[in-house]
């Protein structure tokens, strides 16, 4: 089980939101690149970036901070980013800047043809972000909820060549209330692409529960508020996940 630290960007700073609400924001660092360096020192093997301003604006809004992070990482680990990715030109710009994966969320739901084109043009670099409220997909930076069921949408996307699906339970995101294990497992069972869990990670118990079901197709979890506020020690958690993975292989 891979643990992926999240660096959420708002106005060039590293922040965390509660339930995707831009008015409920906590700033953790004014230097996102320094934060990226910190997580690398703690043993992170991938980083997850979100351009929060971009998610609402529909276009990149934190490029200076993103470039600074990429310079700091310098290719040592893969970096993925979502938020405001609505066209092929933006994807190309990000990949040329050094990102390894781009996450298409709102545009994947509202313009499936764009997702198909992106997968064809940038094979191996496209992840889909499916963010749900009460089992229904949310879009526009989580400000709007659609009528689409998460599993139904995911099944449509899996044959198009997406590298994985990041599933976020919005109601739990930033709340330290625990990962929605059941919903994440159900989605993983419904498709044949890897699932990355997100939203609500509270502590080591969540890591252990996810490791217990990783064979269902859950390959990673995004770590947000829990690792910033001290509820979860990232390095210890990754070591625990690695140990549980080794035990699973032996079994």
C-alpha atoms as a PDB file:
ATOM      1  CA  UNK A   1       0.000   0.000   0.000  1.00  0.00           C
ATOM      2  CA  UNK A   2       1.501   3.277  -1.154  1.00  0.00           C
ATOM      3  CA  UNK A   3       0.929   6.336   1.026  1.00  0.00           C
ATOM      4  CA  UNK A   4       0.872   9.592  -0.942  1.00  0.00           C
ATOM      5  CA  UNK A   5       1.208  12.943   0.851  1.00  0.00           C
ATOM      6  CA  UNK A   6      -1.113  15.627  -0.483  1.00  0.00           C
ATOM      7  CA  UNK A   7      -0.019  19.194  -1.100  1.00  0.00           C
ATOM      8  CA  UNK A   8      -3.122  21.272  -1.731  1.00  0.00           C
ATOM      9  CA  UNK A   9      -2.368  24.675  -3.231  1.00  0.00           C
ATOM     10  CA  UNK A  10      -4.407  27.822  -2.695  1.00  0.00           C
ATOM     11  CA  UNK A  11      -2.982  31.222  -3.581  1.00  0.00           C
ATOM     12  CA  UNK A  12       0.496  29.726  -3.683  1.00  0.00           C
ATOM     13  CA  UNK A  13       0.299  28.251  -0.198  1.00  0.00           C
ATOM     14  CA  UNK A  14      -0.036  24.716   1.151  1.00  0.00           C
ATOM     15  CA  UNK A  15      -3.473  24.385   2.763  1.00  0.00           C
ATOM     16  CA  UNK A  16      -6.149  21.880   3.743  1.00  0.00           C
ATOM     17  CA  UNK A  17      -9.884  22.290   3.329  1.00  0.00           C
ATOM     18  CA  UNK A  18     -12.789  20.662   5.128  1.00  0.00           C
ATOM     19  CA  UNK A  19     -15.225  18.851   2.808  1.00  0.00           C
ATOM     20  CA  UNK A  20     -13.864  20.796  -0.147  1.00  0.00           C
ATOM     21  CA  UNK A  21     -15.136  24.096   1.263  1.00  0.00           C
ATOM     22  CA  UNK A  22     -12.842  26.973   0.247  1.00  0.00           C
ATOM     23  CA  UNK A  23     -14.090  28.981   3.233  1.00  0.00           C
ATOM     24  CA  UNK A  24     -12.908  26.308   5.687  1.00  0.00           C
ATOM     25  CA  UNK A  25      -9.208  26.522   5.007  1.00  0.00           C
ATOM     26  CA  UNK A  26      -6.164  25.911   7.200  1.00  0.00           C
ATOM     27  CA  UNK A  27      -2.784  27.103   5.940  1.00  0.00           C
ATOM     28  CA  UNK A  28       0.077  24.762   6.802  1.00  0.00           C
ATOM     29  CA  UNK A  29       2.924  26.327   4.865  1.00  0.00           C
ATOM     30  CA  UNK A  30       3.710  29.371   2.759  1.00  0.00           C
ATOM     31  CA  UNK A  31       6.446  27.341   1.014  1.00  0.00           C
ATOM     32  CA  UNK A  32       4.964  24.313  -0.813  1.00  0.00           C
ATOM     33  CA  UNK A  33       8.367  23.345  -2.229  1.00  0.00           C
ATOM     34  CA  UNK A  34       9.779  23.096   1.270  1.00  0.00           C
ATOM     35  CA  UNK A  35       6.798  20.956   2.231  1.00  0.00           C
ATOM     36  CA  UNK A  36       7.497  18.656  -0.713  1.00  0.00           C
ATOM     37  CA  UNK A  37      11.101  18.322   0.486  1.00  0.00           C
ATOM     38  CA  UNK A  38       9.846  17.425   3.952  1.00  0.00           C
ATOM     39  CA  UNK A  39       7.690  14.576   2.676  1.00  0.00           C
ATOM     40  CA  UNK A  40      10.547  13.251   0.568  1.00  0.00           C
ATOM     41  CA  UNK A  41      12.693  13.192   3.699  1.00  0.00           C
ATOM     42  CA  UNK A  42       9.927  11.245   5.435  1.00  0.00           C
ATOM     43  CA  UNK A  43      10.077   8.562   2.740  1.00  0.00           C
ATOM     44  CA  UNK A  44       7.320   9.566   0.335  1.00  0.00           C
ATOM     45  CA  UNK A  45       7.455   7.652  -2.947  1.00  0.00           C
ATOM     46  CA  UNK A  46       4.922   9.829  -4.763  1.00  0.00           C
ATOM     47  CA  UNK A  47       3.367  13.260  -4.231  1.00  0.00           C
ATOM     48  CA  UNK A  48      -0.209  14.370  -4.847  1.00  0.00           C
ATOM     49  CA  UNK A  49      -0.756  18.024  -5.779  1.00  0.00           C
ATOM     50  CA  UNK A  50      -4.072  19.835  -6.088  1.00  0.00           C
ATOM     51  CA  UNK A  51      -4.518  23.266  -7.629  1.00  0.00           C
ATOM     52  CA  UNK A  52      -7.558  24.308  -5.593  1.00  0.00           C
ATOM     53  CA  UNK A  53      -7.890  27.677  -7.303  1.00  0.00           C
ATOM     54  CA  UNK A  54      -7.635  25.919 -10.639  1.00  0.00           C
ATOM     55  CA  UNK A  55     -10.379  23.454  -9.729  1.00  0.00           C
ATOM     56  CA  UNK A  56     -12.815  26.322  -9.338  1.00  0.00           C
ATOM     57  CA  UNK A  57     -11.490  28.476 -12.187  1.00  0.00           C
ATOM     58  CA  UNK A  58     -11.188  25.645 -14.708  1.00  0.00           C
ATOM     59  CA  UNK A  59      -7.592  26.501 -15.577  1.00  0.00           C
ATOM     60  CA  UNK A  60      -4.178  26.429 -13.867  1.00  0.00           C
ATOM     61  CA  UNK A  61      -3.789  29.032 -11.122  1.00  0.00           C
ATOM     62  CA  UNK A  62      -0.776  27.897  -9.063  1.00  0.00           C
ATOM     63  CA  UNK A  63       1.844  27.236 -11.713  1.00  0.00           C
ATOM     64  CA  UNK A  64       4.729  29.058  -9.932  1.00  0.00           C
ATOM     65  CA  UNK A  65       4.248  26.899  -6.815  1.00  0.00           C
ATOM     66  CA  UNK A  66       3.888  23.754  -8.924  1.00  0.00           C
ATOM     67  CA  UNK A  67       7.093  24.477 -10.816  1.00  0.00           C
ATOM     68  CA  UNK A  68       8.908  25.161  -7.545  1.00  0.00           C
ATOM     69  CA  UNK A  69       7.784  21.786  -6.191  1.00  0.00           C
ATOM     70  CA  UNK A  70       8.909  20.015  -9.351  1.00  0.00           C
ATOM     71  CA  UNK A  71      12.328  21.674  -9.132  1.00  0.00           C
ATOM     72  CA  UNK A  72      12.608  20.534  -5.522  1.00  0.00           C
ATOM     73  CA  UNK A  73      11.581  16.963  -6.330  1.00  0.00           C
ATOM     74  CA  UNK A  74      13.855  16.879  -9.388  1.00  0.00           C
ATOM     75  CA  UNK A  75      12.473  13.589 -10.659  1.00  0.00           C
ATOM     76  CA  UNK A  76      13.187  11.653  -7.460  1.00  0.00           C
ATOM     77  CA  UNK A  77       9.577  10.464  -7.140  1.00  0.00           C
ATOM     78  CA  UNK A  78       6.511  10.621  -9.405  1.00  0.00           C
ATOM     79  CA  UNK A  79       4.263  13.659  -8.967  1.00  0.00           C
ATOM     80  CA  UNK A  80       0.570  13.775  -9.845  1.00  0.00           C
ATOM     81  CA  UNK A  81      -1.679  16.815 -10.017  1.00  0.00           C
ATOM     82  CA  UNK A  82      -5.340  17.639 -10.360  1.00  0.00           C
ATOM     83  CA  UNK A  83      -7.433  20.780 -10.439  1.00  0.00           C
ATOM     84  CA  UNK A  84      -8.584  22.786 -13.442  1.00  0.00           C
ATOM     85  CA  UNK A  85      -7.414  20.416 -16.164  1.00  0.00           C
ATOM     86  CA  UNK A  86      -9.904  20.928 -18.983  1.00  0.00           C
ATOM     87  CA  UNK A  87      -7.913  20.720 -22.244  1.00  0.00           C
ATOM     88  CA  UNK A  88      -5.069  18.844 -23.934  1.00  0.00           C
ATOM     89  CA  UNK A  89      -2.835  21.922 -24.002  1.00  0.00           C
ATOM     90  CA  UNK A  90      -2.904  22.139 -20.207  1.00  0.00           C
ATOM     91  CA  UNK A  91      -1.988  18.462 -19.921  1.00  0.00           C
ATOM     92  CA  UNK A  92       0.925  18.926 -22.313  1.00  0.00           C
ATOM     93  CA  UNK A  93       2.141  21.967 -20.384  1.00  0.00           C
ATOM     94  CA  UNK A  94       2.074  20.073 -17.100  1.00  0.00           C
ATOM     95  CA  UNK A  95       3.816  16.984 -18.454  1.00  0.00           C
ATOM     96  CA  UNK A  96       6.462  19.127 -20.143  1.00  0.00           C
ATOM     97  CA  UNK A  97       7.022  20.856 -16.787  1.00  0.00           C
ATOM     98  CA  UNK A  98       7.861  17.503 -15.219  1.00  0.00           C
ATOM     99  CA  UNK A  99       4.628  16.095 -13.841  1.00  0.00           C
ATOM    100  CA  UNK A 100       4.238  12.348 -14.220  1.00  0.00           C
ATOM    101  CA  UNK A 101       0.446  12.101 -13.991  1.00  0.00           C
ATOM    102  CA  UNK A 102      -2.439  14.519 -14.439  1.00  0.00           C
ATOM    103  CA  UNK A 103      -5.781  13.947 -12.775  1.00  0.00           C
ATOM    104  CA  UNK A 104      -8.912  14.703 -14.748  1.00  0.00           C
ATOM    105  CA  UNK A 105     -11.989  15.170 -12.598  1.00  0.00           C
ATOM    106  CA  UNK A 106     -14.818  17.481 -13.615  1.00  0.00           C
ATOM    107  CA  UNK A 107     -13.930  17.332 -17.313  1.00  0.00           C
ATOM    108  CA  UNK A 108     -14.007  13.516 -17.294  1.00  0.00           C
ATOM    109  CA  UNK A 109     -17.634  13.602 -16.164  1.00  0.00           C
ATOM    110  CA  UNK A 110     -18.837  16.565 -18.208  1.00  0.00           C
ATOM    111  CA  UNK A 111     -16.826  15.852 -21.365  1.00  0.00           C
ATOM    112  CA  UNK A 112     -16.001  12.132 -21.647  1.00  0.00           C
ATOM    113  CA  UNK A 113     -14.714  12.623 -25.192  1.00  0.00           C
ATOM    114  CA  UNK A 114     -11.974  14.860 -23.776  1.00  0.00           C
ATOM    115  CA  UNK A 115     -10.915  12.075 -21.414  1.00  0.00           C
ATOM    116  CA  UNK A 116     -10.766   9.630 -24.312  1.00  0.00           C
ATOM    117  CA  UNK A 117      -8.628  12.058 -26.306  1.00  0.00           C
ATOM    118  CA  UNK A 118      -6.349  12.649 -23.311  1.00  0.00           C
ATOM    119  CA  UNK A 119      -5.807   8.915 -22.762  1.00  0.00           C
ATOM    120  CA  UNK A 120      -4.994   8.473 -26.433  1.00  0.00           C
ATOM    121  CA  UNK A 121      -2.639  11.442 -26.630  1.00  0.00           C
ATOM    122  CA  UNK A 122      -0.894  10.935 -23.292  1.00  0.00           C
ATOM    123  CA  UNK A 123      -1.060   7.208 -22.686  1.00  0.00           C
ATOM    124  CA  UNK A 124       0.176   6.175 -19.266  1.00  0.00           C
ATOM    125  CA  UNK A 125      -0.134   9.630 -17.735  1.00  0.00           C
ATOM    126  CA  UNK A 126      -3.859  10.026 -17.072  1.00  0.00           C
ATOM    127  CA  UNK A 127      -5.635   9.424 -13.768  1.00  0.00           C
ATOM    128  CA  UNK A 128      -9.311  10.097 -13.153  1.00  0.00           C
ATOM    129  CA  UNK A 129     -10.525  11.767  -9.990  1.00  0.00           C
ATOM    130  CA  UNK A 130     -14.002  10.673  -8.945  1.00  0.00           C
ATOM    131  CA  UNK A 131     -15.224  12.667  -5.984  1.00  0.00           C
ATOM    132  CA  UNK A 132     -18.510  11.571  -4.468  1.00  0.00           C
ATOM    133  CA  UNK A 133     -21.136  12.885  -2.120  1.00  0.00           C
ATOM    134  CA  UNK A 134     -23.650  10.208  -1.030  1.00  0.00           C
ATOM    135  CA  UNK A 135     -22.463   7.956  -3.851  1.00  0.00           C
ATOM    136  CA  UNK A 136     -23.008  10.573  -6.566  1.00  0.00           C
ATOM    137  CA  UNK A 137     -20.181  12.199  -8.500  1.00  0.00           C
ATOM    138  CA  UNK A 138     -19.436  15.839  -7.636  1.00  0.00           C
ATOM    139  CA  UNK A 139     -17.850  18.324 -10.053  1.00  0.00           C
ATOM    140  CA  UNK A 140     -16.654  21.943 -10.276  1.00  0.00           C
ATOM    141  CA  UNK A 141     -14.331  21.736  -7.285  1.00  0.00           C
ATOM    142  CA  UNK A 142     -17.001  19.696  -5.440  1.00  0.00           C
ATOM    143  CA  UNK A 143     -19.437  22.605  -5.620  1.00  0.00           C
ATOM    144  CA  UNK A 144     -21.953  20.685  -7.741  1.00  0.00           C
ATOM    145  CA  UNK A 145     -23.322  17.150  -7.358  1.00  0.00           C
ATOM    146  CA  UNK A 146     -24.367  15.203 -10.452  1.00  0.00           C
ATOM    147  CA  UNK A 147     -26.868  12.394 -10.839  1.00  0.00           C
ATOM    148  CA  UNK A 148     -24.169   9.957 -11.910  1.00  0.00           C
ATOM    149  CA  UNK A 149     -23.341   6.938  -9.744  1.00  0.00           C
ATOM    150  CA  UNK A 150     -19.606   6.573  -9.076  1.00  0.00           C
ATOM    151  CA  UNK A 151     -19.378   2.928 -10.152  1.00  0.00           C
ATOM    152  CA  UNK A 152     -21.309   3.536 -13.371  1.00  0.00           C
ATOM    153  CA  UNK A 153     -18.992   6.378 -14.341  1.00  0.00           C
ATOM    154  CA  UNK A 154     -15.887   4.364 -13.436  1.00  0.00           C
ATOM    155  CA  UNK A 155     -16.916   1.414 -15.601  1.00  0.00           C
ATOM    156  CA  UNK A 156     -17.254   3.734 -18.571  1.00  0.00           C
ATOM    157  CA  UNK A 157     -13.737   5.083 -18.095  1.00  0.00           C
ATOM    158  CA  UNK A 158     -11.759   1.919 -17.423  1.00  0.00           C
ATOM    159  CA  UNK A 159     -11.603   0.784 -21.046  1.00  0.00           C
ATOM    160  CA  UNK A 160     -10.179   4.088 -22.210  1.00  0.00           C
ATOM    161  CA  UNK A 161      -6.730   3.511 -20.775  1.00  0.00           C
ATOM    162  CA  UNK A 162      -6.786   5.483 -17.516  1.00  0.00           C
ATOM    163  CA  UNK A 163      -3.926   4.544 -15.199  1.00  0.00           C
ATOM    164  CA  UNK A 164      -6.098   4.583 -12.106  1.00  0.00           C
ATOM    165  CA  UNK A 165      -9.008   6.189 -10.300  1.00  0.00           C
ATOM    166  CA  UNK A 166      -8.696   8.406  -7.247  1.00  0.00           C
ATOM    167  CA  UNK A 167     -11.869   8.012  -5.201  1.00  0.00           C
ATOM    168  CA  UNK A 168     -12.683  10.688  -2.624  1.00  0.00           C
ATOM    169  CA  UNK A 169     -15.594  10.674  -0.209  1.00  0.00           C
ATOM    170  CA  UNK A 170     -16.230  14.420   0.077  1.00  0.00           C
ATOM    171  CA  UNK A 171     -18.204  14.176   3.303  1.00  0.00           C
ATOM    172  CA  UNK A 172     -15.120  12.768   5.024  1.00  0.00           C
ATOM    173  CA  UNK A 173     -12.406  14.814   3.338  1.00  0.00           C
ATOM    174  CA  UNK A 174     -10.430  16.872   5.814  1.00  0.00           C
ATOM    175  CA  UNK A 175     -12.629  15.709   8.700  1.00  0.00           C
ATOM    176  CA  UNK A 176     -10.353  12.998  10.192  1.00  0.00           C
ATOM    177  CA  UNK A 177     -13.437  10.760  10.350  1.00  0.00           C
ATOM    178  CA  UNK A 178     -11.899   7.701   8.705  1.00  0.00           C
ATOM    179  CA  UNK A 179     -11.678   6.425   5.134  1.00  0.00           C
ATOM    180  CA  UNK A 180     -14.950   5.117   3.695  1.00  0.00           C
ATOM    181  CA  UNK A 181     -13.550   1.611   3.359  1.00  0.00           C
ATOM    182  CA  UNK A 182     -16.799  -0.004   2.232  1.00  0.00           C
ATOM    183  CA  UNK A 183     -17.461   2.417  -0.622  1.00  0.00           C
ATOM    184  CA  UNK A 184     -13.825   2.263  -1.734  1.00  0.00           C
ATOM    185  CA  UNK A 185     -13.883  -1.534  -1.826  1.00  0.00           C
ATOM    186  CA  UNK A 186     -17.154  -1.575  -3.754  1.00  0.00           C
ATOM    187  CA  UNK A 187     -15.680   0.715  -6.391  1.00  0.00           C
ATOM    188  CA  UNK A 188     -12.504  -1.362  -6.616  1.00  0.00           C
ATOM    189  CA  UNK A 189     -14.589  -4.492  -7.119  1.00  0.00           C
ATOM    190  CA  UNK A 190     -16.621  -2.814  -9.867  1.00  0.00           C
ATOM    191  CA  UNK A 191     -13.639  -1.996 -12.111  1.00  0.00           C
ATOM    192  CA  UNK A 192     -10.339  -3.466 -13.240  1.00  0.00           C
ATOM    193  CA  UNK A 193      -8.113  -0.417 -12.809  1.00  0.00           C
ATOM    194  CA  UNK A 194      -6.232   0.461  -9.615  1.00  0.00           C
ATOM    195  CA  UNK A 195      -8.048   2.562  -7.035  1.00  0.00           C
ATOM    196  CA  UNK A 196      -6.399   5.238  -4.891  1.00  0.00           C
ATOM    197  CA  UNK A 197      -8.365   5.927  -1.709  1.00  0.00           C
ATOM    198  CA  UNK A 198      -8.856   9.476  -0.490  1.00  0.00           C
ATOM    199  CA  UNK A 199     -10.856  11.485   2.001  1.00  0.00           C
ATOM    200  CA  UNK A 200     -11.001  11.213   5.777  1.00  0.00           C
ATOM    201  CA  UNK A 201      -7.782   9.366   6.643  1.00  0.00           C
ATOM    202  CA  UNK A 202      -7.649   9.594  10.427  1.00  0.00           C
ATOM    203  CA  UNK A 203      -4.854   7.378  11.709  1.00  0.00           C
ATOM    204  CA  UNK A 204      -3.014   4.079  11.617  1.00  0.00           C
ATOM    205  CA  UNK A 205      -6.238   2.084  11.873  1.00  0.00           C
ATOM    206  CA  UNK A 206      -7.266   3.325   8.420  1.00  0.00           C
ATOM    207  CA  UNK A 207      -3.921   2.237   6.982  1.00  0.00           C
ATOM    208  CA  UNK A 208      -4.301  -1.228   8.488  1.00  0.00           C
ATOM    209  CA  UNK A 209      -7.886  -1.556   7.223  1.00  0.00           C
ATOM    210  CA  UNK A 210      -6.849  -0.528   3.713  1.00  0.00           C
ATOM    211  CA  UNK A 211      -3.940  -2.974   3.717  1.00  0.00           C
ATOM    212  CA  UNK A 212      -6.395  -5.728   4.641  1.00  0.00           C
ATOM    213  CA  UNK A 213      -8.403  -5.093   1.454  1.00  0.00           C
ATOM    214  CA  UNK A 214      -5.653  -3.992  -0.929  1.00  0.00           C
ATOM    215  CA  UNK A 215      -5.982  -7.220  -2.909  1.00  0.00           C
ATOM    216  CA  UNK A 216      -9.395  -5.921  -4.046  1.00  0.00           C
ATOM    217  CA  UNK A 217      -7.496  -3.446  -6.216  1.00  0.00           C
ATOM    218  CA  UNK A 218      -6.738  -0.585  -3.838  1.00  0.00           C
ATOM    219  CA  UNK A 219      -3.105   0.322  -4.411  1.00  0.00           C
ATOM    220  CA  UNK A 220      -2.627   3.600  -2.554  1.00  0.00           C
ATOM    221  CA  UNK A 221      -4.114   6.176  -0.201  1.00  0.00           C
ATOM    222  CA  UNK A 222      -3.742   9.935  -0.243  1.00  0.00           C
ATOM    223  CA  UNK A 223      -2.733  11.407   3.109  1.00  0.00           C
ATOM    224  CA  UNK A 224      -3.910  14.896   3.946  1.00  0.00           C
ATOM    225  CA  UNK A 225      -4.895  16.562   7.197  1.00  0.00           C
ATOM    226  CA  UNK A 226      -3.902  13.560   9.346  1.00  0.00           C
ATOM    227  CA  UNK A 227      -0.203  13.897   8.481  1.00  0.00           C
ATOM    228  CA  UNK A 228      -0.275  17.688   8.803  1.00  0.00           C
ATOM    229  CA  UNK A 229      -1.890  17.870  12.214  1.00  0.00           C
ATOM    230  CA  UNK A 230       0.066  14.965  13.696  1.00  0.00           C
ATOM    231  CA  UNK A 231      -2.723  12.387  13.919  1.00  0.00           C
ATOM    232  CA  UNK A 232      -0.603  10.083  11.728  1.00  0.00           C
ATOM    233  CA  UNK A 233       3.166   9.841  11.500  1.00  0.00           C
ATOM    234  CA  UNK A 234       3.782   9.438   7.769  1.00  0.00           C
ATOM    235  CA  UNK A 235       7.077   7.560   7.966  1.00  0.00           C
ATOM    236  CA  UNK A 236       5.767   5.120  10.577  1.00  0.00           C
ATOM    237  CA  UNK A 237       2.572   4.580   8.591  1.00  0.00           C
ATOM    238  CA  UNK A 238       4.424   3.770   5.365  1.00  0.00           C
ATOM    239  CA  UNK A 239       6.661   1.322   7.216  1.00  0.00           C
ATOM    240  CA  UNK A 240       3.579  -0.314   8.741  1.00  0.00           C
ATOM    241  CA  UNK A 241       1.943  -0.581   5.326  1.00  0.00           C
ATOM    242  CA  UNK A 242       5.097  -2.111   3.876  1.00  0.00           C
ATOM    243  CA  UNK A 243       5.240  -4.670   6.683  1.00  0.00           C
ATOM    244  CA  UNK A 244       1.598  -5.626   6.235  1.00  0.00           C
ATOM    245  CA  UNK A 245       2.162  -5.941   2.491  1.00  0.00           C
ATOM    246  CA  UNK A 246       5.067  -8.300   3.047  1.00  0.00           C
ATOM    247  CA  UNK A 247       2.926 -10.425   5.376  1.00  0.00           C
ATOM    248  CA  UNK A 248       0.150 -10.490   2.764  1.00  0.00           C
ATOM    249  CA  UNK A 249       2.583 -11.725   0.120  1.00  0.00           C
ATOM    250  CA  UNK A 250       3.776 -14.505   2.399  1.00  0.00           C
ATOM    251  CA  UNK A 251       0.190 -15.529   3.022  1.00  0.00           C
END
